[in-house]
C-alpha atoms as a PDB file:
ATOM      1  CA  MET A   1    -166.233  53.734  -6.191  1.00  0.00           C
ATOM      2  CA  LYS A   2    -165.805  57.376  -6.967  1.00  0.00           C
ATOM      3  CA  ASP A   3    -169.156  59.041  -6.703  1.00  0.00           C
ATOM      4  CA  ARG A   4    -169.060  62.004  -9.033  1.00  0.00           C
ATOM      5  CA  TYR A   5    -172.932  62.406  -8.458  1.00  0.00           C
ATOM      6  CA  ALA A   6    -172.441  63.022  -4.695  1.00  0.00           C
ATOM      7  CA  ALA A   7    -169.697  65.342  -5.068  1.00  0.00           C
ATOM      8  CA  LEU A   8    -171.788  67.401  -7.521  1.00  0.00           C
ATOM      9  CA  PHE A   9    -174.927  67.666  -5.565  1.00  0.00           C
ATOM     10  CA  GLU A  10    -173.051  68.557  -2.650  1.00  0.00           C
ATOM     11  CA  SER A  11    -171.183  71.226  -4.463  1.00  0.00           C
ATOM     12  CA  LEU A  12    -174.175  72.702  -6.168  1.00  0.00           C
ATOM     13  CA  LYS A  13    -176.174  72.684  -2.715  1.00  0.00           C
ATOM     14  CA  SER A  14    -173.308  74.747  -1.177  1.00  0.00           C
ATOM     15  CA  ARG A  15    -173.590  77.287  -3.905  1.00  0.00           C
ATOM     16  CA  GLY A  16    -177.446  77.480  -3.903  1.00  0.00           C
ATOM     17  CA  GLU A  17    -177.869  75.876  -7.501  1.00  0.00           C
ATOM     18  CA  GLY A  18    -179.559  72.935  -9.186  1.00  0.00           C
ATOM     19  CA  ALA A  19    -178.151  70.671 -11.668  1.00  0.00           C
ATOM     20  CA  PHE A  20    -178.585  71.099 -15.255  1.00  0.00           C
ATOM     21  CA  VAL A  21    -178.417  67.865 -17.210  1.00  0.00           C
ATOM     22  CA  PRO A  22    -178.479  67.977 -21.178  1.00  0.00           C
ATOM     23  CA  PHE A  23    -179.135  64.868 -22.975  1.00  0.00           C
ATOM     24  CA  VAL A  24    -177.665  64.165 -26.303  1.00  0.00           C
ATOM     25  CA  MET A  25    -177.332  61.147 -28.559  1.00  0.00           C
ATOM     26  CA  LEU A  26    -173.866  59.882 -28.921  1.00  0.00           C
ATOM     27  CA  GLY A  27    -172.892  59.900 -32.770  1.00  0.00           C
ATOM     28  CA  ASP A  28    -175.718  62.577 -33.619  1.00  0.00           C
ATOM     29  CA  PRO A  29    -174.934  63.531 -36.395  1.00  0.00           C
ATOM     30  CA  THR A  30    -171.287  62.221 -36.791  1.00  0.00           C
ATOM     31  CA  PHE A  31    -168.904  60.956 -34.310  1.00  0.00           C
ATOM     32  CA  GLU A  32    -166.547  63.924 -34.966  1.00  0.00           C
ATOM     33  CA  ASP A  33    -169.359  66.580 -34.560  1.00  0.00           C
ATOM     34  CA  SER A  34    -170.985  64.696 -31.544  1.00  0.00           C
ATOM     35  CA  PHE A  35    -167.564  65.322 -29.340  1.00  0.00           C
ATOM     36  CA  GLN A  36    -167.535  68.807 -30.416  1.00  0.00           C
ATOM     37  CA  ILE A  37    -171.420  69.302 -29.452  1.00  0.00           C
ATOM     38  CA  ILE A  38    -170.910  67.547 -26.187  1.00  0.00           C
ATOM     39  CA  THR A  39    -168.007  69.847 -25.384  1.00  0.00           C
ATOM     40  CA  THR A  40    -169.831  72.975 -26.090  1.00  0.00           C
ATOM     41  CA  LEU A  41    -172.686  71.529 -23.702  1.00  0.00           C
ATOM     42  CA  ILE A  42    -170.022  71.141 -20.860  1.00  0.00           C
ATOM     43  CA  GLU A  43    -168.372  74.334 -21.547  1.00  0.00           C
ATOM     44  CA  SER A  44    -171.425  76.271 -21.530  1.00  0.00           C
ATOM     45  CA  GLY A  45    -172.661  75.199 -18.063  1.00  0.00           C
ATOM     46  CA  ALA A  46    -173.664  71.403 -18.010  1.00  0.00           C
ATOM     47  CA  ASP A  47    -173.327  70.090 -14.710  1.00  0.00           C
ATOM     48  CA  ALA A  48    -173.477  66.436 -15.754  1.00  0.00           C
ATOM     49  CA  LEU A  49    -174.423  64.507 -18.787  1.00  0.00           C
ATOM     50  CA  GLU A  50    -177.115  62.203 -19.992  1.00  0.00           C
ATOM     51  CA  LEU A  51    -175.894  60.280 -23.185  1.00  0.00           C
ATOM     52  CA  GLY A  52    -177.828  58.070 -25.458  1.00  0.00           C
ATOM     53  CA  VAL A  53    -176.522  54.989 -27.233  1.00  0.00           C
ATOM     54  CA  PRO A  54    -178.288  54.772 -30.654  1.00  0.00           C
ATOM     55  CA  PHE A  55    -180.796  51.926 -31.001  1.00  0.00           C
ATOM     56  CA  SER A  56    -182.993  51.137 -33.896  1.00  0.00           C
ATOM     57  CA  ASP A  57    -186.230  50.884 -31.922  1.00  0.00           C
ATOM     58  CA  PRO A  58    -186.395  53.630 -29.128  1.00  0.00           C
ATOM     59  CA  VAL A  59    -189.797  53.144 -27.796  1.00  0.00           C
ATOM     60  CA  ALA A  60    -189.647  55.581 -24.674  1.00  0.00           C
ATOM     61  CA  ASP A  61    -188.733  58.309 -27.030  1.00  0.00           C
ATOM     62  CA  GLY A  62    -190.857  60.677 -29.080  1.00  0.00           C
ATOM     63  CA  PRO A  63    -190.135  61.677 -32.893  1.00  0.00           C
ATOM     64  CA  THR A  64    -187.516  64.243 -32.126  1.00  0.00           C
ATOM     65  CA  ILE A  65    -185.118  61.723 -30.166  1.00  0.00           C
ATOM     66  CA  GLN A  66    -186.100  58.960 -32.395  1.00  0.00           C
ATOM     67  CA  ALA A  67    -184.902  60.912 -35.545  1.00  0.00           C
ATOM     68  CA  SER A  68    -181.585  61.469 -33.648  1.00  0.00           C
ATOM     69  CA  HIS A  69    -181.116  57.507 -33.201  1.00  0.00           C
ATOM     70  CA  ILE A  70    -181.505  57.088 -36.704  1.00  0.00           C
ATOM     71  CA  ARG A  71    -179.341  59.994 -37.730  1.00  0.00           C
ATOM     72  CA  ALA A  72    -176.393  58.668 -35.603  1.00  0.00           C
ATOM     73  CA  LEU A  73    -177.101  55.121 -37.008  1.00  0.00           C
ATOM     74  CA  ASP A  74    -177.175  56.329 -40.347  1.00  0.00           C
ATOM     75  CA  GLY A  75    -173.802  58.161 -39.635  1.00  0.00           C
ATOM     76  CA  GLY A  76    -172.125  54.871 -38.753  1.00  0.00           C
ATOM     77  CA  ALA A  77    -172.578  54.861 -34.719  1.00  0.00           C
ATOM     78  CA  THR A  78    -172.208  51.600 -33.071  1.00  0.00           C
ATOM     79  CA  VAL A  79    -171.899  50.746 -29.499  1.00  0.00           C
ATOM     80  CA  GLU A  80    -168.211  50.590 -29.741  1.00  0.00           C
ATOM     81  CA  LYS A  81    -167.801  53.805 -31.385  1.00  0.00           C
ATOM     82  CA  SER A  82    -170.180  55.048 -28.234  1.00  0.00           C
ATOM     83  CA  LEU A  83    -167.747  53.678 -25.747  1.00  0.00           C
ATOM     84  CA  GLN A  84    -164.833  55.509 -27.610  1.00  0.00           C
ATOM     85  CA  LEU A  85    -166.569  58.814 -27.313  1.00  0.00           C
ATOM     86  CA  ILE A  86    -167.231  58.241 -23.646  1.00  0.00           C
ATOM     87  CA  ARG A  87    -163.660  57.634 -23.056  1.00  0.00           C
ATOM     88  CA  LYS A  88    -162.840  60.554 -24.922  1.00  0.00           C
ATOM     89  CA  ILE A  89    -165.320  62.659 -22.675  1.00  0.00           C
ATOM     90  CA  ARG A  90    -163.808  61.074 -19.605  1.00  0.00           C
ATOM     91  CA  ASP A  91    -160.295  61.880 -20.527  1.00  0.00           C
ATOM     92  CA  ALA A  92    -161.230  65.773 -21.198  1.00  0.00           C
ATOM     93  CA  TYR A  93    -163.498  65.927 -18.045  1.00  0.00           C
ATOM     94  CA  PRO A  94    -162.408  63.826 -15.199  1.00  0.00           C
ATOM     95  CA  GLU A  95    -164.609  64.933 -12.693  1.00  0.00           C
ATOM     96  CA  LEU A  96    -168.078  65.188 -14.631  1.00  0.00           C
ATOM     97  CA  PRO A  97    -170.759  62.918 -13.788  1.00  0.00           C
ATOM     98  CA  ILE A  98    -171.496  60.865 -17.124  1.00  0.00           C
ATOM     99  CA  GLY A  99    -174.777  59.155 -17.194  1.00  0.00           C
ATOM    100  CA  MET A 100    -176.077  56.744 -19.896  1.00  0.00           C
ATOM    101  CA  LEU A 101    -179.625  55.940 -21.520  1.00  0.00           C
ATOM    102  CA  ILE A 102    -179.321  52.806 -23.040  1.00  0.00           C
ATOM    103  CA  TYR A 103    -182.175  50.450 -24.201  1.00  0.00           C
ATOM    104  CA  ALA A 104    -182.138  46.770 -23.033  1.00  0.00           C
ATOM    105  CA  ASN A 105    -181.337  45.147 -26.243  1.00  0.00           C
ATOM    106  CA  VAL A 106    -177.701  46.189 -25.654  1.00  0.00           C
ATOM    107  CA  PRO A 107    -177.205  44.587 -22.316  1.00  0.00           C
ATOM    108  CA  PHE A 108    -179.036  41.477 -23.418  1.00  0.00           C
ATOM    109  CA  VAL A 109    -176.982  40.929 -26.513  1.00  0.00           C
ATOM    110  CA  ARG A 110    -173.694  41.599 -24.675  1.00  0.00           C
ATOM    111  CA  GLY A 111    -174.536  39.980 -21.231  1.00  0.00           C
ATOM    112  CA  LEU A 112    -174.831  42.009 -18.065  1.00  0.00           C
ATOM    113  CA  GLU A 113    -171.506  41.273 -16.611  1.00  0.00           C
ATOM    114  CA  ARG A 114    -169.575  42.555 -19.810  1.00  0.00           C
ATOM    115  CA  PHE A 115    -172.003  45.306 -20.588  1.00  0.00           C
ATOM    116  CA  TYR A 116    -171.753  47.162 -17.155  1.00  0.00           C
ATOM    117  CA  ALA A 117    -167.760  46.612 -17.061  1.00  0.00           C
ATOM    118  CA  GLU A 118    -167.375  47.862 -20.694  1.00  0.00           C
ATOM    119  CA  PHE A 119    -169.208  51.134 -19.886  1.00  0.00           C
ATOM    120  CA  HIS A 120    -167.492  51.378 -16.201  1.00  0.00           C
ATOM    121  CA  GLU A 121    -164.277  51.042 -18.100  1.00  0.00           C
ATOM    122  CA  ALA A 122    -164.971  53.721 -20.604  1.00  0.00           C
ATOM    123  CA  GLY A 123    -165.856  56.209 -17.682  1.00  0.00           C
ATOM    124  CA  ALA A 124    -169.696  56.096 -17.329  1.00  0.00           C
ATOM    125  CA  ASP A 125    -171.009  56.775 -13.982  1.00  0.00           C
ATOM    126  CA  SER A 126    -174.613  55.588 -14.215  1.00  0.00           C
ATOM    127  CA  ILE A 127    -176.802  53.680 -16.680  1.00  0.00           C
ATOM    128  CA  LEU A 128    -180.756  54.097 -17.223  1.00  0.00           C
ATOM    129  CA  ILE A 129    -182.370  51.343 -19.102  1.00  0.00           C
ATOM    130  CA  PRO A 130    -185.750  52.970 -19.930  1.00  0.00           C
ATOM    131  CA  ASP A 131    -187.624  49.735 -21.103  1.00  0.00           C
ATOM    132  CA  VAL A 132    -186.719  47.835 -17.922  1.00  0.00           C
ATOM    133  CA  PRO A 133    -189.105  48.901 -14.984  1.00  0.00           C
ATOM    134  CA  VAL A 134    -187.869  48.555 -11.442  1.00  0.00           C
ATOM    135  CA  ARG A 135    -190.019  45.430 -10.768  1.00  0.00           C
ATOM    136  CA  GLU A 136    -187.832  43.605 -13.355  1.00  0.00           C
ATOM    137  CA  GLY A 137    -184.500  45.650 -12.516  1.00  0.00           C
ATOM    138  CA  GLY A 138    -183.131  43.484  -9.820  1.00  0.00           C
ATOM    139  CA  PRO A 139    -180.447  41.662 -11.935  1.00  0.00           C
ATOM    140  CA  PHE A 140    -179.669  44.852 -13.829  1.00  0.00           C
ATOM    141  CA  ALA A 141    -178.946  46.921 -10.528  1.00  0.00           C
ATOM    142  CA  GLU A 142    -177.079  43.932  -9.106  1.00  0.00           C
ATOM    143  CA  ALA A 143    -174.970  43.754 -12.012  1.00  0.00           C
ATOM    144  CA  ALA A 144    -174.365  47.531 -12.217  1.00  0.00           C
ATOM    145  CA  GLU A 145    -173.310  48.028  -8.733  1.00  0.00           C
ATOM    146  CA  ALA A 146    -170.901  44.896  -8.991  1.00  0.00           C
ATOM    147  CA  ALA A 147    -169.242  46.733 -11.970  1.00  0.00           C
ATOM    148  CA  GLY A 148    -169.019  50.011 -10.290  1.00  0.00           C
ATOM    149  CA  ILE A 149    -172.122  51.737 -12.051  1.00  0.00           C
ATOM    150  CA  SER A 150    -174.822  53.400 -10.470  1.00  0.00           C
ATOM    151  CA  PRO A 151    -178.313  52.025 -11.783  1.00  0.00           C
ATOM    152  CA  ILE A 152    -181.034  54.737 -12.434  1.00  0.00           C
ATOM    153  CA  PHE A 153    -184.593  53.880 -12.477  1.00  0.00           C
ATOM    154  CA  ILE A 154    -187.552  55.948 -13.686  1.00  0.00           C
ATOM    155  CA  ALA A 155    -190.217  57.421 -11.240  1.00  0.00           C
ATOM    156  CA  PRO A 156    -193.318  57.701 -13.476  1.00  0.00           C
ATOM    157  CA  ALA A 157    -195.538  60.733 -12.712  1.00  0.00           C
ATOM    158  CA  GLN A 158    -198.482  58.672 -11.292  1.00  0.00           C
ATOM    159  CA  ALA A 159    -196.340  55.895 -10.130  1.00  0.00           C
ATOM    160  CA  ALA A 160    -197.871  53.481  -7.385  1.00  0.00           C
ATOM    161  CA  GLU A 161    -196.258  53.405  -3.864  1.00  0.00           C
ATOM    162  CA  ALA A 162    -194.702  50.149  -4.519  1.00  0.00           C
ATOM    163  CA  THR A 163    -192.951  51.311  -7.651  1.00  0.00           C
ATOM    164  CA  LEU A 164    -191.638  54.470  -5.969  1.00  0.00           C
ATOM    165  CA  ARG A 165    -190.145  52.316  -3.020  1.00  0.00           C
ATOM    166  CA  GLY A 166    -188.540  49.995  -5.560  1.00  0.00           C
ATOM    167  CA  VAL A 167    -187.069  53.131  -7.491  1.00  0.00           C
ATOM    168  CA  ALA A 168    -185.787  54.726  -4.157  1.00  0.00           C
ATOM    169  CA  ALA A 169    -184.174  51.352  -3.184  1.00  0.00           C
ATOM    170  CA  ARG A 170    -182.623  50.424  -6.344  1.00  0.00           C
ATOM    171  CA  SER A 171    -181.541  53.749  -7.742  1.00  0.00           C
ATOM    172  CA  ARG A 172    -178.119  55.414  -6.989  1.00  0.00           C
ATOM    173  CA  GLY A 173    -176.707  58.489  -8.213  1.00  0.00           C
ATOM    174  CA  TYR A 174    -180.113  60.172  -8.884  1.00  0.00           C
ATOM    175  CA  ILE A 175    -183.633  59.232  -9.278  1.00  0.00           C
ATOM    176  CA  TYR A 176    -185.016  60.008 -12.760  1.00  0.00           C
ATOM    177  CA  ALA A 177    -188.646  61.467 -12.129  1.00  0.00           C
ATOM    178  CA  ILE A 178    -190.839  62.050 -14.828  1.00  0.00           C
ATOM    179  CA  SER A 179    -192.718  65.420 -14.870  1.00  0.00           C
ATOM    180  CA  ARG A 180    -195.494  64.039 -17.054  1.00  0.00           C
ATOM    181  CA  ASP A 181    -196.595  60.915 -18.598  1.00  0.00           C
ATOM    182  CA  GLY A 182    -195.909  60.099 -22.380  1.00  0.00           C
ATOM    183  CA  VAL A 183    -192.763  59.833 -24.279  1.00  0.00           C
ATOM    184  CA  THR A 184    -190.230  62.426 -24.626  1.00  0.00           C
ATOM    185  CA  GLY A 185    -190.380  65.607 -26.784  1.00  0.00           C
ATOM    186  CA  THR A 186    -194.010  65.173 -27.756  1.00  0.00           C
ATOM    187  CA  GLU A 187    -195.570  68.418 -29.608  1.00  0.00           C
ATOM    188  CA  ARG A 188    -197.995  69.267 -26.947  1.00  0.00           C
ATOM    189  CA  ALA A 189    -197.155  72.133 -24.556  1.00  0.00           C
ATOM    190  CA  SER A 190    -195.072  71.293 -21.660  1.00  0.00           C
ATOM    191  CA  GLU A 191    -196.763  71.457 -18.342  1.00  0.00           C
ATOM    192  CA  THR A 192    -194.804  72.246 -15.110  1.00  0.00           C
ATOM    193  CA  ARG A 193    -197.743  72.832 -12.879  1.00  0.00           C
ATOM    194  CA  GLY A 194    -197.765  70.416  -9.945  1.00  0.00           C
ATOM    195  CA  LEU A 195    -194.138  69.626 -10.028  1.00  0.00           C
ATOM    196  CA  ASP A 196    -193.962  70.135  -6.167  1.00  0.00           C
ATOM    197  CA  GLU A 197    -196.489  67.143  -5.983  1.00  0.00           C
ATOM    198  CA  VAL A 198    -194.483  65.082  -8.510  1.00  0.00           C
ATOM    199  CA  VAL A 199    -191.203  65.560  -6.423  1.00  0.00           C
ATOM    200  CA  ALA A 200    -192.811  65.033  -2.880  1.00  0.00           C
ATOM    201  CA  HIS A 201    -194.361  61.841  -4.437  1.00  0.00           C
ATOM    202  CA  VAL A 202    -190.955  60.408  -5.344  1.00  0.00           C
ATOM    203  CA  GLN A 203    -189.244  61.687  -2.285  1.00  0.00           C
ATOM    204  CA  GLN A 204    -191.644  60.183   0.306  1.00  0.00           C
ATOM    205  CA  PHE A 205    -189.590  57.007   0.215  1.00  0.00           C
ATOM    206  CA  GLY A 206    -186.159  58.632   0.488  1.00  0.00           C
ATOM    207  CA  GLY A 207    -183.470  57.677  -1.993  1.00  0.00           C
ATOM    208  CA  ALA A 208    -181.134  59.728  -4.257  1.00  0.00           C
ATOM    209  CA  PRO A 209    -181.595  63.121  -5.170  1.00  0.00           C
ATOM    210  CA  VAL A 210    -184.549  63.713  -7.858  1.00  0.00           C
ATOM    211  CA  LEU A 211    -183.786  65.067 -11.127  1.00  0.00           C
ATOM    212  CA  LEU A 212    -187.016  65.809 -13.485  1.00  0.00           C
ATOM    213  CA  GLY A 213    -187.231  65.233 -16.948  1.00  0.00           C
ATOM    214  CA  PHE A 214    -189.505  65.075 -19.900  1.00  0.00           C
ATOM    215  CA  GLY A 215    -191.112  68.608 -21.019  1.00  0.00           C
ATOM    216  CA  ILE A 216    -188.470  70.565 -19.614  1.00  0.00           C
ATOM    217  CA  SER A 217    -187.472  72.745 -22.414  1.00  0.00           C
ATOM    218  CA  THR A 218    -187.215  76.545 -21.252  1.00  0.00           C
ATOM    219  CA  PRO A 219    -185.430  78.396 -18.541  1.00  0.00           C
ATOM    220  CA  GLU A 220    -188.643  78.744 -16.768  1.00  0.00           C
ATOM    221  CA  HIS A 221    -189.297  74.823 -16.579  1.00  0.00           C
ATOM    222  CA  VAL A 222    -186.069  74.709 -15.041  1.00  0.00           C
ATOM    223  CA  ALA A 223    -186.553  77.235 -12.680  1.00  0.00           C
ATOM    224  CA  ASP A 224    -190.163  75.505 -11.721  1.00  0.00           C
ATOM    225  CA  ALA A 225    -188.313  72.159 -11.168  1.00  0.00           C
ATOM    226  CA  ILE A 226    -185.920  73.578  -8.696  1.00  0.00           C
ATOM    227  CA  ARG A 227    -188.550  75.551  -6.784  1.00  0.00           C
ATOM    228  CA  ALA A 228    -190.490  72.166  -6.749  1.00  0.00           C
ATOM    229  CA  GLY A 229    -187.585  70.710  -4.481  1.00  0.00           C
ATOM    230  CA  ALA A 230    -185.804  68.685  -7.438  1.00  0.00           C
ATOM    231  CA  ALA A 231    -182.067  68.697  -7.346  1.00  0.00           C
ATOM    232  CA  GLY A 232    -181.992  69.324 -11.050  1.00  0.00           C
ATOM    233  CA  ALA A 233    -183.730  69.192 -14.640  1.00  0.00           C
ATOM    234  CA  ILE A 234    -182.830  66.868 -17.638  1.00  0.00           C
ATOM    235  CA  THR A 235    -183.424  68.527 -20.941  1.00  0.00           C
ATOM    236  CA  GLY A 236    -183.225  66.385 -24.096  1.00  0.00           C
ATOM    237  CA  SER A 237    -185.688  67.009 -27.010  1.00  0.00           C
ATOM    238  CA  ALA A 238    -184.857  70.712 -27.204  1.00  0.00           C
ATOM    239  CA  ILE A 239    -181.199  70.289 -27.560  1.00  0.00           C
ATOM    240  CA  THR A 240    -181.656  67.707 -30.132  1.00  0.00           C
ATOM    241  CA  ARG A 241    -184.122  69.928 -32.083  1.00  0.00           C
ATOM    242  CA  ILE A 242    -181.318  72.559 -32.155  1.00  0.00           C
ATOM    243  CA  ILE A 243    -178.947  70.015 -33.529  1.00  0.00           C
ATOM    244  CA  GLU A 244    -181.294  68.611 -36.171  1.00  0.00           C
ATOM    245  CA  SER A 245    -182.202  72.340 -37.071  1.00  0.00           C
ATOM    246  CA  HIS A 246    -178.324  72.636 -38.265  1.00  0.00           C
ATOM    247  CA  VAL A 247    -178.215  69.192 -40.115  1.00  0.00           C
ATOM    248  CA  ASP A 248    -178.036  69.536 -44.034  1.00  0.00           C
ATOM    249  CA  HIS A 249    -180.766  66.946 -44.926  1.00  0.00           C
ATOM    250  CA  GLU A 250    -180.130  67.320 -48.848  1.00  0.00           C
ATOM    251  CA  HIS A 251    -176.359  66.432 -48.420  1.00  0.00           C
ATOM    252  CA  PRO A 252    -175.527  62.931 -50.044  1.00  0.00           C
ATOM    253  CA  ARG A 253    -173.484  62.152 -46.769  1.00  0.00           C
ATOM    254  CA  PRO A 254    -175.688  61.457 -43.767  1.00  0.00           C
ATOM    255  CA  GLY A 255    -175.649  63.871 -40.931  1.00  0.00           C
ATOM    256  CA  VAL A 256    -173.606  66.726 -42.474  1.00  0.00           C
ATOM    257  CA  VAL A 257    -173.850  69.906 -40.020  1.00  0.00           C
ATOM    258  CA  ARG A 258    -174.082  73.067 -42.364  1.00  0.00           C
ATOM    259  CA  ASP A 259    -172.020  75.333 -39.976  1.00  0.00           C
ATOM    260  CA  LEU A 260    -170.513  73.636 -36.726  1.00  0.00           C
ATOM    261  CA  PRO A 261    -169.727  77.015 -35.381  1.00  0.00           C
ATOM    262  CA  ALA A 262    -173.302  78.245 -35.586  1.00  0.00           C
ATOM    263  CA  LEU A 263    -174.596  75.156 -33.989  1.00  0.00           C
ATOM    264  CA  GLN A 264    -172.317  75.459 -31.141  1.00  0.00           C
ATOM    265  CA  LYS A 265    -173.265  79.123 -30.648  1.00  0.00           C
ATOM    266  CA  GLU A 266    -176.920  78.442 -30.287  1.00  0.00           C
ATOM    267  CA  LEU A 267    -176.201  75.375 -28.117  1.00  0.00           C
ATOM    268  CA  ALA A 268    -174.142  77.389 -25.961  1.00  0.00           C
ATOM    269  CA  GLN A 269    -176.552  80.334 -25.379  1.00  0.00           C
ATOM    270  CA  PHE A 270    -179.462  77.678 -24.850  1.00  0.00           C
ATOM    271  CA  VAL A 271    -177.349  75.931 -22.209  1.00  0.00           C
ATOM    272  CA  SER A 272    -176.195  78.916 -20.562  1.00  0.00           C
ATOM    273  CA  GLU A 273    -179.734  80.350 -20.029  1.00  0.00           C
ATOM    274  CA  MET A 274    -180.917  76.862 -18.849  1.00  0.00           C
ATOM    275  CA  LYS A 275    -178.206  76.668 -16.227  1.00  0.00           C
ATOM    276  CA  ALA A 276    -178.694  80.294 -15.089  1.00  0.00           C
ATOM    277  CA  ALA A 277    -182.331  79.292 -14.300  1.00  0.00           C
ATOM    278  CA  THR A 278    -180.937  76.812 -11.651  1.00  0.00           C
ATOM    279  CA  ARG A 279    -179.517  79.788  -9.368  1.00  0.00           C
ATOM    280  CA  GLN A 280    -182.455  80.614  -7.114  1.00  0.00           C
ATOM    281  CA  GLY A 281    -180.622  83.267  -5.241  1.00  0.00           C
END
């Protein structure tokens, strides 16, 4: 299968850069605005995407991203519409790695074979299922690879060696390493001290390149992640907060953006600054 992640990491390494990967919820706040938002992220410097599929009980997410699930669902988001958006993004950006974050209810309901085949056909490269730990991930990883999808597993900040060994063995494309314990986007101050130990802890068993996530919200955090030896950084809650700040919550129609160009301008500035922090030269 075409390995867009390998091509990306090789290209970035040759230029002395790390990857900046924004997370955004598909369909937040509406189908139409979502595509414009994602296009802005890419055109402003995103090296790859991590896209969420809205779900009613996102247990791994904090309040900010939980709210984005609800906004998207209120705006009419479905799995089928998410697949449509992925196809639209893939058509516009043939070489861009597209990763998915999807809760386990979706593959359980659809069946693993159908689930992975649908997302592969739409253009997704990888799928991370945050509520399936690697010790239970064998059937998911096997079904993913059979369909041409890279399975991604999370390496927790304080993971036992057995967990990390499994993550290294099962993950393809990249490993999602958590910079700190907890859920995404909590209000406590982000900590990026000790990231070199986190990365070294994950890398001791080899495996795919490490991307650091959770609590990455400033250019300094991105620079810290790259200096620590990560191949890149993933940012979700900070981007989601920007989107939320431009949604008109008083409008009778769910998820109306007050001023889309203003939202795009703020997102473009944020992404360009985060991407610039991946350049260590």
